[in-house]
């Protein structure tokens, strides 16, 4: 899995981000299983990417809700 930078995540649509988040959840489970056998820093990397996706999702939702409130 390639590391996703914030600028790459911003370019994604909401559905693409949701799809990528689901893929990362599955990959996290696989990484945890393999880490129990050998140890891996991949888990930390996956969690950081998931956090970036969630942060940008929340930021964009909050931004759009504020714009709606301004238009009232």
N, C-alpha and C. Protein backbone atom coordinates (compact mmCIF):
# COMPACT_ATOMS: atom_id res chain seq x y z
N UNK A 1 0.83 -1.18 0.00
CA UNK A 1 0.00 0.00 0.00
C UNK A 1 0.87 1.24 0.00
N UNK A 2 0.57 2.12 -0.90
CA UNK A 2 1.30 3.38 -0.97
C UNK A 2 0.77 4.34 0.10
N UNK A 3 1.66 5.18 0.59
CA UNK A 3 1.26 6.18 1.57
C UNK A 3 0.46 7.25 0.84
N UNK A 4 -0.71 7.57 1.37
CA UNK A 4 -1.53 8.62 0.78
C UNK A 4 -1.21 9.94 1.46
N UNK A 5 -0.85 10.89 0.68
CA UNK A 5 -0.58 12.23 1.19
C UNK A 5 -1.90 12.99 1.30
N UNK A 6 -1.92 14.02 2.10
CA UNK A 6 -3.13 14.81 2.31
C UNK A 6 -3.62 15.42 1.01
N UNK A 7 -2.71 15.92 0.19
CA UNK A 7 -3.13 16.54 -1.07
C UNK A 7 -3.79 15.52 -1.99
N UNK A 8 -3.36 14.26 -1.94
CA UNK A 8 -3.98 13.23 -2.76
C UNK A 8 -5.39 12.91 -2.26
N UNK A 9 -5.55 12.90 -0.95
CA UNK A 9 -6.86 12.61 -0.36
C UNK A 9 -7.83 13.74 -0.67
N UNK A 10 -7.35 14.99 -0.65
CA UNK A 10 -8.22 16.14 -0.96
C UNK A 10 -8.76 16.07 -2.38
N UNK A 11 -7.98 15.50 -3.28
CA UNK A 11 -8.42 15.41 -4.68
C UNK A 11 -9.49 14.35 -4.89
N UNK A 12 -9.63 13.44 -3.95
CA UNK A 12 -10.61 12.36 -4.07
C UNK A 12 -12.02 12.87 -3.79
N UNK A 13 -12.99 12.22 -4.41
CA UNK A 13 -14.38 12.54 -4.10
C UNK A 13 -14.76 11.84 -2.80
N UNK A 14 -15.90 12.18 -2.26
CA UNK A 14 -16.37 11.59 -1.00
C UNK A 14 -16.50 10.07 -1.14
N UNK A 15 -17.04 9.61 -2.24
CA UNK A 15 -17.22 8.16 -2.43
C UNK A 15 -15.87 7.45 -2.56
N UNK A 16 -14.92 8.10 -3.22
CA UNK A 16 -13.57 7.50 -3.33
C UNK A 16 -12.90 7.40 -1.97
N UNK A 17 -13.07 8.45 -1.15
CA UNK A 17 -12.49 8.42 0.20
C UNK A 17 -13.13 7.32 1.04
N UNK A 18 -14.44 7.18 0.94
CA UNK A 18 -15.13 6.13 1.69
C UNK A 18 -14.67 4.74 1.25
N UNK A 19 -14.52 4.56 -0.03
CA UNK A 19 -14.05 3.28 -0.56
C UNK A 19 -12.63 2.99 -0.08
N UNK A 20 -11.77 3.98 -0.13
CA UNK A 20 -10.39 3.81 0.30
C UNK A 20 -10.32 3.51 1.79
N UNK A 21 -11.19 4.15 2.58
CA UNK A 21 -11.23 3.91 4.02
C UNK A 21 -11.60 2.45 4.30
N UNK A 22 -12.57 1.92 3.58
CA UNK A 22 -12.96 0.52 3.75
C UNK A 22 -11.82 -0.41 3.38
N UNK A 23 -11.11 -0.09 2.31
CA UNK A 23 -9.95 -0.90 1.92
C UNK A 23 -8.88 -0.88 3.00
N UNK A 24 -8.66 0.28 3.59
CA UNK A 24 -7.66 0.41 4.64
C UNK A 24 -8.05 -0.36 5.90
N UNK A 25 -9.34 -0.39 6.21
CA UNK A 25 -9.79 -1.17 7.36
C UNK A 25 -9.47 -2.64 7.17
N UNK A 26 -9.73 -3.14 5.97
CA UNK A 26 -9.44 -4.53 5.66
C UNK A 26 -7.94 -4.80 5.71
N UNK A 27 -7.18 -3.88 5.17
CA UNK A 27 -5.72 -4.02 5.17
C UNK A 27 -5.15 -3.95 6.58
N UNK A 28 -5.77 -3.16 7.45
CA UNK A 28 -5.33 -3.06 8.83
C UNK A 28 -5.48 -4.41 9.55
N UNK A 29 -6.59 -5.08 9.29
CA UNK A 29 -6.81 -6.39 9.90
C UNK A 29 -5.74 -7.37 9.42
N UNK A 30 -5.46 -7.35 8.13
CA UNK A 30 -4.43 -8.24 7.58
C UNK A 30 -3.06 -7.91 8.17
N UNK A 31 -2.77 -6.63 8.34
CA UNK A 31 -1.47 -6.21 8.89
C UNK A 31 -1.34 -6.62 10.35
N UNK A 32 -2.43 -6.56 11.10
CA UNK A 32 -2.38 -6.97 12.50
C UNK A 32 -2.09 -8.46 12.63
N UNK A 33 -2.67 -9.25 11.74
CA UNK A 33 -2.42 -10.69 11.77
C UNK A 33 -0.95 -10.97 11.44
N UNK A 34 -0.44 -10.33 10.41
CA UNK A 34 0.95 -10.58 10.04
C UNK A 34 1.93 -9.97 11.04
N UNK A 35 1.53 -8.91 11.72
CA UNK A 35 2.41 -8.27 12.71
C UNK A 35 2.56 -9.16 13.94
N UNK A 36 1.53 -9.92 14.24
CA UNK A 36 1.64 -10.80 15.40
C UNK A 36 2.68 -11.89 15.15
N UNK A 37 2.94 -12.17 13.89
CA UNK A 37 3.94 -13.18 13.54
C UNK A 37 5.34 -12.56 13.43
N UNK A 38 5.43 -11.38 12.84
CA UNK A 38 6.76 -10.85 12.55
C UNK A 38 7.00 -9.45 13.11
N UNK A 39 5.98 -8.70 13.44
CA UNK A 39 6.15 -7.32 13.88
C UNK A 39 6.23 -6.39 12.68
N UNK A 40 5.49 -5.29 12.73
CA UNK A 40 5.48 -4.43 11.55
C UNK A 40 5.12 -3.00 11.94
N UNK A 41 5.70 -2.05 11.21
CA UNK A 41 5.34 -0.64 11.41
C UNK A 41 4.26 -0.23 10.42
N UNK A 42 3.82 -1.19 9.61
CA UNK A 42 2.80 -0.91 8.61
C UNK A 42 1.47 -0.53 9.27
N UNK A 43 1.19 -1.06 10.43
CA UNK A 43 -0.05 -0.76 11.15
C UNK A 43 -0.13 0.73 11.44
N UNK A 44 0.95 1.30 11.93
CA UNK A 44 1.00 2.72 12.26
C UNK A 44 0.73 3.57 11.02
N UNK A 45 1.32 3.18 9.91
CA UNK A 45 1.14 3.89 8.65
C UNK A 45 -0.32 3.86 8.19
N UNK A 46 -0.95 2.69 8.29
CA UNK A 46 -2.34 2.54 7.88
C UNK A 46 -3.24 3.39 8.76
N UNK A 47 -3.01 3.37 10.07
CA UNK A 47 -3.83 4.15 10.99
C UNK A 47 -3.72 5.65 10.71
N UNK A 48 -2.52 6.11 10.40
CA UNK A 48 -2.33 7.53 10.09
C UNK A 48 -3.11 7.92 8.83
N UNK A 49 -3.07 7.06 7.82
CA UNK A 49 -3.80 7.34 6.58
C UNK A 49 -5.30 7.36 6.84
N UNK A 50 -5.78 6.42 7.65
CA UNK A 50 -7.21 6.40 7.99
C UNK A 50 -7.60 7.67 8.73
N UNK A 51 -6.75 8.13 9.62
CA UNK A 51 -7.02 9.37 10.36
C UNK A 51 -7.06 10.57 9.43
N UNK A 52 -6.17 10.61 8.45
CA UNK A 52 -6.18 11.71 7.47
C UNK A 52 -7.51 11.74 6.71
N UNK A 53 -7.97 10.57 6.29
CA UNK A 53 -9.22 10.50 5.53
C UNK A 53 -10.38 10.98 6.39
N UNK A 54 -10.46 10.50 7.63
CA UNK A 54 -11.55 10.91 8.52
C UNK A 54 -11.50 12.40 8.83
N UNK A 55 -10.31 12.92 9.02
CA UNK A 55 -10.14 14.35 9.32
C UNK A 55 -10.64 15.20 8.16
N UNK A 56 -10.25 14.83 6.95
CA UNK A 56 -10.69 15.61 5.78
C UNK A 56 -12.18 15.47 5.55
N UNK A 57 -12.75 14.28 5.81
CA UNK A 57 -14.19 14.11 5.69
C UNK A 57 -14.92 15.02 6.65
N UNK A 58 -14.47 15.04 7.90
CA UNK A 58 -15.11 15.89 8.91
C UNK A 58 -14.94 17.37 8.59
N UNK A 59 -13.76 17.75 8.12
CA UNK A 59 -13.51 19.14 7.77
C UNK A 59 -14.44 19.59 6.64
N UNK A 60 -14.57 18.78 5.62
CA UNK A 60 -15.41 19.15 4.49
C UNK A 60 -16.88 19.19 4.88
N UNK A 61 -17.32 18.28 5.77
CA UNK A 61 -18.71 18.29 6.23
C UNK A 61 -18.98 19.54 7.05
N UNK A 62 -18.07 19.89 7.93
CA UNK A 62 -18.25 21.09 8.76
C UNK A 62 -18.24 22.35 7.91
N UNK A 63 -17.38 22.38 6.92
CA UNK A 63 -17.28 23.54 6.04
C UNK A 63 -18.58 23.72 5.26
N UNK A 64 -19.14 22.63 4.75
CA UNK A 64 -20.37 22.73 3.97
C UNK A 64 -21.56 23.09 4.86
N UNK A 65 -21.59 22.61 6.11
CA UNK A 65 -22.69 22.96 7.00
C UNK A 65 -22.63 24.43 7.41
N UNK A 66 -21.44 24.96 7.55
CA UNK A 66 -21.30 26.38 7.87
C UNK A 66 -21.76 27.26 6.72
N UNK A 67 -21.49 26.80 5.49
CA UNK A 67 -21.93 27.56 4.32
C UNK A 67 -23.46 27.59 4.23
N UNK A 68 -24.09 26.48 4.59
CA UNK A 68 -25.55 26.42 4.56
C UNK A 68 -26.12 27.38 5.60
N UNK A 69 -25.51 27.43 6.79
CA UNK A 69 -25.98 28.33 7.84
C UNK A 69 -25.82 29.79 7.44
N UNK A 70 -24.77 30.12 6.72
CA UNK A 70 -24.56 31.50 6.26
C UNK A 70 -25.63 31.92 5.27
N UNK A 71 -26.10 30.98 4.45
CA UNK A 71 -27.08 31.29 3.42
C UNK A 71 -28.48 31.43 3.96
N UNK A 72 -28.72 31.10 5.23
CA UNK A 72 -30.07 31.20 5.80
C UNK A 72 -30.45 32.60 6.09
